[in-house]
Amino acid sequence: MSPIIGHPTEPAGLDLPEVGTKSMEPSLTRVRSVQEAGVAVEALQHVARYDSMRLETYRQKENLADRICVSSIGSAVALRFDDVGYFNRVYCADGAFFEELPEIEAFYRGGPFGCELVASASDESGSVSISRPGWAPAHHYAWLSHPNCSSLWSVQATPFAIRPPKASEQRQFLLAYLRAFEAQEDRIPAALRNMRHLFDRPELDFLMAWYGETLAGVSILMRSGSTALLCAGAALPEFREMGCHASLLAARIRLASEAGCRQIYSWAELGGQSQANMERVGLEVAGITTTWRYSPEND
């Protein structure tokens, strides 16, 4: 069987800071081991690097220094993009961010979106508690992983043909991505300008799912040494509940294995179809997080 994508050179590595040493309490209904808690933190750190890499790429390639800022606030990583609400996030690998909340608030005050704070799981409900004005619970996410991705993928019948986009199909890939994630129409031209630069990132792999001659879904994988992150993956609305997302998951897991990766990470909305699909292909939940949204107008 031929590989999905050839990797003639080593994937670009990312320097991974050590996991915070502050102890983490269990966040699932069953008691998690210390190792599992560490895995959830590692998953968070990989997601933070993926989002940081995207913003740094857009800032540099499109001269958006006046619109984009990536800043370390204590041990947290704060992302601000005044054009796109999603990217206004603070990733916190330990509980030290509590002491930095005034600085975090100041970083986003005056911007159009506030921020969403994504912390590592910290108690049995998967949430932290912030009592300061302007903060409210937002979303629930599951962190998922598996220590050996080569043991997960297997050849299964699927009606979808999975392959990388040709150079002439990159715009089609991006348009499908934006449609699948329900981007606002007025934001699509700017998103296309920014996201086109991601195809030049050596650590990213892109896959398209085809149903006959029709594009059905898209996905992205990020590699970092011996680890991989399942980034965005989605089926277009008319191909949902047909196995398209699961096929893209299996293809990315195979791709990670072929590239020499072992540990694989991802995250998904808690209880959603994406989480169910990831668990179905073998990933395991390592932790649960409740995010908190800061709205400056409410503080």
Protein backbone atom coordinates (compact mmCIF):
# COMPACT_ATOMS: atom_id res chain seq x y z
CA MET A 1 0.00 0.00 0.00
CA SER A 2 1.46 3.32 -1.02
CA PRO A 3 1.76 6.07 1.59
CA ILE A 4 -0.70 8.95 1.63
CA ILE A 5 2.06 11.56 1.54
CA GLY A 6 5.78 11.10 1.17
CA HIS A 7 8.02 12.83 3.75
CA PRO A 8 11.50 13.06 2.24
CA THR A 9 12.71 15.30 5.03
CA GLU A 10 12.16 15.40 8.76
CA PRO A 11 9.10 17.37 9.84
CA ALA A 12 9.82 20.72 11.42
CA GLY A 13 10.09 20.36 15.17
CA LEU A 14 8.61 22.62 17.79
CA ASP A 15 10.30 23.24 21.12
CA LEU A 16 7.90 21.93 23.72
CA PRO A 17 8.08 23.51 27.17
CA GLU A 18 7.89 21.12 30.05
CA VAL A 19 4.53 20.43 31.57
CA GLY A 20 3.88 22.60 34.61
CA THR A 21 4.87 20.98 37.89
CA LYS A 22 1.85 22.13 39.83
CA SER A 23 -0.31 19.12 40.74
CA MET A 24 -3.55 18.69 38.83
CA GLU A 25 -6.68 17.24 40.39
CA PRO A 26 -8.76 14.58 38.57
CA SER A 27 -11.25 15.99 36.08
CA LEU A 28 -13.26 12.94 35.00
CA THR A 29 -15.95 11.05 36.88
CA ARG A 30 -13.44 8.25 37.26
CA VAL A 31 -10.16 9.04 39.01
CA ARG A 32 -7.43 9.70 36.46
CA SER A 33 -3.80 8.81 37.04
CA VAL A 34 -1.10 11.48 37.23
CA GLN A 35 0.08 10.27 33.82
CA GLU A 36 -3.34 10.88 32.28
CA ALA A 37 -3.45 14.39 33.77
CA GLY A 38 -0.08 15.09 32.18
CA VAL A 39 -1.33 13.85 28.82
CA ALA A 40 -4.27 16.27 28.96
CA VAL A 41 -1.84 19.13 29.61
CA GLU A 42 0.33 18.02 26.69
CA ALA A 43 -2.73 17.98 24.44
CA LEU A 44 -3.56 21.54 25.51
CA GLN A 45 0.01 22.65 24.81
CA HIS A 46 -0.07 21.21 21.29
CA VAL A 47 -3.37 22.95 20.52
CA ALA A 48 -1.89 26.21 21.84
CA ARG A 49 1.12 25.81 19.55
CA TYR A 50 -1.10 25.13 16.55
CA ASP A 51 -3.16 28.28 17.11
CA SER A 52 -0.06 30.34 17.92
CA MET A 53 1.68 29.12 14.77
CA ARG A 54 -1.31 30.09 12.64
CA LEU A 55 -1.49 33.60 14.08
CA GLU A 56 2.26 34.17 13.80
CA THR A 57 2.08 33.03 10.17
CA TYR A 58 -0.77 35.42 9.36
CA ARG A 59 0.91 38.29 11.20
CA GLN A 60 4.20 37.88 9.37
CA LYS A 61 2.94 37.02 5.89
CA GLU A 62 0.10 39.55 5.76
CA ASN A 63 1.73 42.35 7.80
CA LEU A 64 -0.93 42.19 10.51
CA ALA A 65 1.17 43.30 13.45
CA ASP A 66 -1.43 45.97 14.22
CA ARG A 67 -4.21 43.35 14.37
CA ILE A 68 -2.49 40.26 15.83
CA CYS A 69 -0.57 39.79 19.05
CA VAL A 70 0.75 36.61 20.67
CA SER A 71 2.01 37.17 24.20
CA SER A 72 3.22 35.15 27.17
CA ILE A 73 1.48 36.20 30.38
CA GLY A 74 3.15 34.28 33.15
CA SER A 75 2.94 30.63 32.11
CA ALA A 76 -0.10 31.30 29.88
CA VAL A 77 -0.11 32.01 26.14
CA ALA A 78 -2.50 34.80 25.14
CA LEU A 79 -3.64 35.17 21.53
CA ARG A 80 -5.37 38.27 20.22
CA PHE A 81 -6.69 38.84 16.70
CA ASP A 82 -8.95 41.85 16.39
CA ASP A 83 -10.52 40.54 13.17
CA VAL A 84 -11.50 36.97 14.19
CA GLY A 85 -13.25 36.14 17.45
CA TYR A 86 -12.15 32.48 17.66
CA PHE A 87 -8.47 33.31 18.00
CA ASN A 88 -8.89 35.43 21.12
CA ARG A 89 -7.87 32.71 23.54
CA VAL A 90 -5.66 32.20 26.56
CA TYR A 91 -4.12 28.74 26.93
CA CYS A 92 -3.10 27.89 30.50
CA ALA A 93 -1.18 24.67 31.21
CA ASP A 94 -1.27 25.13 34.99
CA GLY A 95 -3.16 27.01 37.68
CA ALA A 96 -0.72 29.91 37.87
CA PHE A 97 -2.95 31.98 35.58
CA PHE A 98 -5.16 32.94 38.55
CA GLU A 99 -2.47 35.40 39.61
CA GLU A 100 -2.30 36.79 36.07
CA LEU A 101 -6.02 37.48 35.55
CA PRO A 102 -5.68 41.29 35.90
CA GLU A 103 -2.96 41.30 33.21
CA ILE A 104 -5.01 38.95 31.00
CA GLU A 105 -8.01 41.26 31.29
CA ALA A 106 -5.88 44.29 30.41
CA PHE A 107 -4.51 42.47 27.34
CA TYR A 108 -8.02 42.09 25.85
CA ARG A 109 -9.67 45.24 27.18
CA GLY A 110 -10.40 47.60 24.30
CA GLY A 111 -10.64 44.78 21.79
CA PRO A 112 -13.86 43.71 20.06
CA PHE A 113 -14.07 40.15 21.39
CA GLY A 114 -12.79 39.71 24.93
CA CYS A 115 -11.31 36.22 25.23
CA GLU A 116 -11.89 32.58 26.07
CA LEU A 117 -9.64 31.09 28.74
CA VAL A 118 -8.73 27.44 28.11
CA ALA A 119 -7.21 25.88 31.20
CA SER A 120 -6.10 22.35 31.90
CA ALA A 121 -8.69 20.21 33.68
CA SER A 122 -8.59 20.83 37.40
CA ASP A 123 -11.45 19.17 39.27
CA GLU A 124 -14.07 16.47 38.91
CA SER A 125 -16.33 18.72 36.84
CA GLY A 126 -13.44 19.60 34.52
CA SER A 127 -13.70 23.28 35.40
CA VAL A 128 -11.91 26.07 37.14
CA SER A 129 -13.89 28.74 38.93
CA ILE A 130 -13.33 32.43 38.27
CA SER A 131 -15.27 34.81 40.49
CA ARG A 132 -13.98 38.08 39.04
CA PRO A 133 -16.48 40.37 37.26
CA GLY A 134 -16.79 39.86 33.51
CA TRP A 135 -16.09 36.10 33.55
CA ALA A 136 -18.62 33.35 32.83
CA PRO A 137 -18.43 29.62 31.94
CA ALA A 138 -18.38 29.03 28.18
CA HIS A 139 -17.71 25.63 26.58
CA HIS A 140 -16.86 22.07 27.59
CA TYR A 141 -14.07 20.22 25.79
CA ALA A 142 -12.50 16.79 25.98
CA TRP A 143 -8.76 16.26 25.51
CA LEU A 144 -7.99 13.02 23.67
CA SER A 145 -4.83 11.07 22.91
CA HIS A 146 -3.24 7.72 22.21
CA PRO A 147 0.39 6.73 22.91
CA ASN A 148 0.88 4.69 19.72
CA CYS A 149 -0.96 5.87 16.64
CA SER A 150 0.50 3.07 14.52
CA SER A 151 -1.67 0.62 16.45
CA LEU A 152 -4.88 2.50 15.62
CA TRP A 153 -5.25 2.69 11.86
CA SER A 154 -6.40 -0.21 9.73
CA VAL A 155 -7.63 -0.57 6.17
CA GLN A 156 -11.42 -0.29 6.10
CA ALA A 157 -13.88 0.06 3.27
CA THR A 158 -15.01 3.65 2.77
CA PRO A 159 -16.91 5.40 -0.01
CA PHE A 160 -14.53 8.36 0.28
CA ALA A 161 -11.24 8.78 -1.55
CA ILE A 162 -8.74 10.58 0.72
CA ARG A 163 -5.77 12.44 -0.76
CA PRO A 164 -3.78 15.68 -0.36
CA PRO A 165 -4.96 18.70 -2.34
CA LYS A 166 -3.21 19.53 -5.56
CA ALA A 167 -1.75 23.02 -5.81
CA SER A 168 -4.68 23.99 -8.02
CA GLU A 169 -7.11 22.73 -5.35
CA GLN A 170 -5.79 24.71 -2.39
CA ARG A 171 -8.40 27.46 -2.71
CA GLN A 172 -11.11 24.82 -2.97
CA PHE A 173 -9.76 23.22 0.21
CA LEU A 174 -9.93 26.52 2.08
CA LEU A 175 -13.41 27.36 0.86
CA ALA A 176 -14.63 23.92 1.98
CA TYR A 177 -12.91 24.40 5.34
CA LEU A 178 -14.60 27.76 5.88
CA ARG A 179 -17.95 26.42 4.81
CA ALA A 180 -17.67 23.36 7.05
CA PHE A 181 -16.86 25.57 10.04
CA GLU A 182 -19.60 28.04 9.15
CA ALA A 183 -17.41 31.10 8.63
CA GLN A 184 -19.21 34.40 8.17
CA GLU A 185 -19.46 35.33 4.50
CA ASP A 186 -17.95 38.77 4.97
CA ARG A 187 -14.87 37.23 6.63
CA ILE A 188 -14.12 34.69 3.89
CA PRO A 189 -11.94 36.91 1.62
CA ALA A 190 -9.62 37.85 4.49
CA ALA A 191 -9.55 34.26 5.75
CA LEU A 192 -8.49 33.05 2.31
CA ARG A 193 -5.66 35.59 2.20
CA ASN A 194 -4.41 34.51 5.62
CA MET A 195 -4.90 30.77 5.42
CA ARG A 196 -3.21 30.30 2.02
CA HIS A 197 0.13 30.67 3.79
CA LEU A 198 -0.50 27.55 5.86
CA PHE A 199 0.24 25.40 2.82
CA ASP A 200 3.87 26.55 3.13
CA ARG A 201 4.20 25.25 6.70
CA PRO A 202 6.33 22.05 6.60
CA GLU A 203 4.78 20.63 9.78
CA LEU A 204 1.23 20.68 8.37
CA ASP A 205 -0.41 18.06 6.17
CA PHE A 206 -3.74 18.61 4.40
CA LEU A 207 -6.22 15.98 3.25
CA MET A 208 -9.39 16.14 1.17
CA ALA A 209 -12.17 13.56 1.15
CA TRP A 210 -13.88 13.01 -2.21
CA TYR A 211 -17.19 11.28 -2.86
CA GLY A 212 -16.86 10.49 -6.52
CA GLU A 213 -16.11 13.86 -8.13
CA THR A 214 -17.56 15.87 -5.22
CA LEU A 215 -15.51 17.29 -2.36
CA ALA A 216 -17.00 15.97 0.88
CA GLY A 217 -14.62 17.07 3.67
CA VAL A 218 -11.20 18.41 4.63
CA SER A 219 -8.72 17.97 7.47
CA ILE A 220 -5.32 19.07 8.77
CA LEU A 221 -2.58 17.24 10.69
CA MET A 222 0.31 18.92 12.53
CA ARG A 223 3.49 16.94 13.16
CA SER A 224 6.13 17.75 15.78
CA GLY A 225 8.91 15.21 16.06
CA SER A 226 7.37 11.98 17.33
CA THR A 227 3.99 13.55 18.11
CA ALA A 228 1.04 14.60 15.98
CA LEU A 229 -2.04 16.73 16.50
CA LEU A 230 -5.35 16.09 14.78
CA CYS A 231 -6.25 19.67 13.91
CA ALA A 232 -9.33 20.80 12.06
CA GLY A 233 -11.33 18.09 10.35
CA ALA A 234 -14.89 18.36 9.13
CA ALA A 235 -17.36 17.03 6.60
CA LEU A 236 -19.42 19.39 4.51
CA PRO A 237 -23.06 19.52 5.68
CA GLU A 238 -24.45 17.27 2.95
CA PHE A 239 -21.92 14.52 3.81
CA ARG A 240 -22.32 14.42 7.57
CA GLU A 241 -23.37 11.18 9.24
CA MET A 242 -21.97 9.27 6.25
CA GLY A 243 -18.59 8.38 7.76
CA CYS A 244 -16.64 11.20 6.10
CA HIS A 245 -15.20 12.62 9.33
CA ALA A 246 -14.26 9.15 10.56
CA SER A 247 -12.52 8.43 7.24
CA LEU A 248 -10.51 11.64 7.54
CA LEU A 249 -9.54 10.71 11.11
CA ALA A 250 -8.34 7.27 10.03
CA ALA A 251 -6.37 8.77 7.13
CA ARG A 252 -4.63 11.29 9.37
CA ILE A 253 -3.75 8.63 11.93
CA ARG A 254 -2.23 6.53 9.15
CA LEU A 255 -0.40 9.60 7.85
CA ALA A 256 1.03 10.34 11.31
CA SER A 257 2.21 6.75 11.63
CA GLU A 258 3.85 6.83 8.19
CA ALA A 259 5.66 10.05 9.18
CA GLY A 260 7.17 8.33 12.23
CA CYS A 261 4.90 9.82 14.88
CA ARG A 262 3.80 7.81 17.90
CA GLN A 263 1.81 9.94 20.38
CA ILE A 264 -1.26 11.58 18.88
CA TYR A 265 -3.46 14.28 20.43
CA SER A 266 -6.68 16.13 19.74
CA TRP A 267 -9.61 17.86 21.41
CA ALA A 268 -13.31 18.08 20.72
CA GLU A 269 -16.54 19.51 22.05
CA LEU A 270 -17.56 17.36 25.00
CA GLY A 271 -20.24 14.85 24.04
CA GLY A 272 -20.21 15.84 20.35
CA GLN A 273 -19.96 13.71 17.25
CA SER A 274 -16.28 14.55 16.77
CA GLN A 275 -15.42 13.16 20.20
CA ALA A 276 -17.47 10.04 19.49
CA ASN A 277 -15.67 9.52 16.17
CA MET A 278 -12.25 9.97 17.79
CA GLU A 279 -13.04 7.45 20.50
CA ARG A 280 -14.39 5.07 17.87
CA VAL A 281 -11.03 5.04 16.07
CA GLY A 282 -9.21 4.43 19.36
CA LEU A 283 -8.31 7.76 20.98
CA GLU A 284 -8.98 7.99 24.72
CA VAL A 285 -10.21 10.88 26.84
CA ALA A 286 -7.43 12.18 29.10
CA GLY A 287 -9.26 15.15 30.61
CA ILE A 288 -12.19 17.54 30.43
CA THR A 289 -12.05 21.34 30.48
CA THR A 290 -14.69 24.00 30.99
CA THR A 291 -13.53 27.21 29.35
CA TRP A 292 -14.32 30.68 30.67
CA ARG A 293 -15.24 33.71 28.58
CA TYR A 294 -14.15 37.21 29.55
CA SER A 295 -16.36 40.07 28.33
CA PRO A 296 -14.77 43.42 29.21
CA GLU A 297 -18.08 45.24 28.95
CA ASN A 298 -19.38 43.15 31.85
CA ASP A 299 -16.55 43.72 34.32
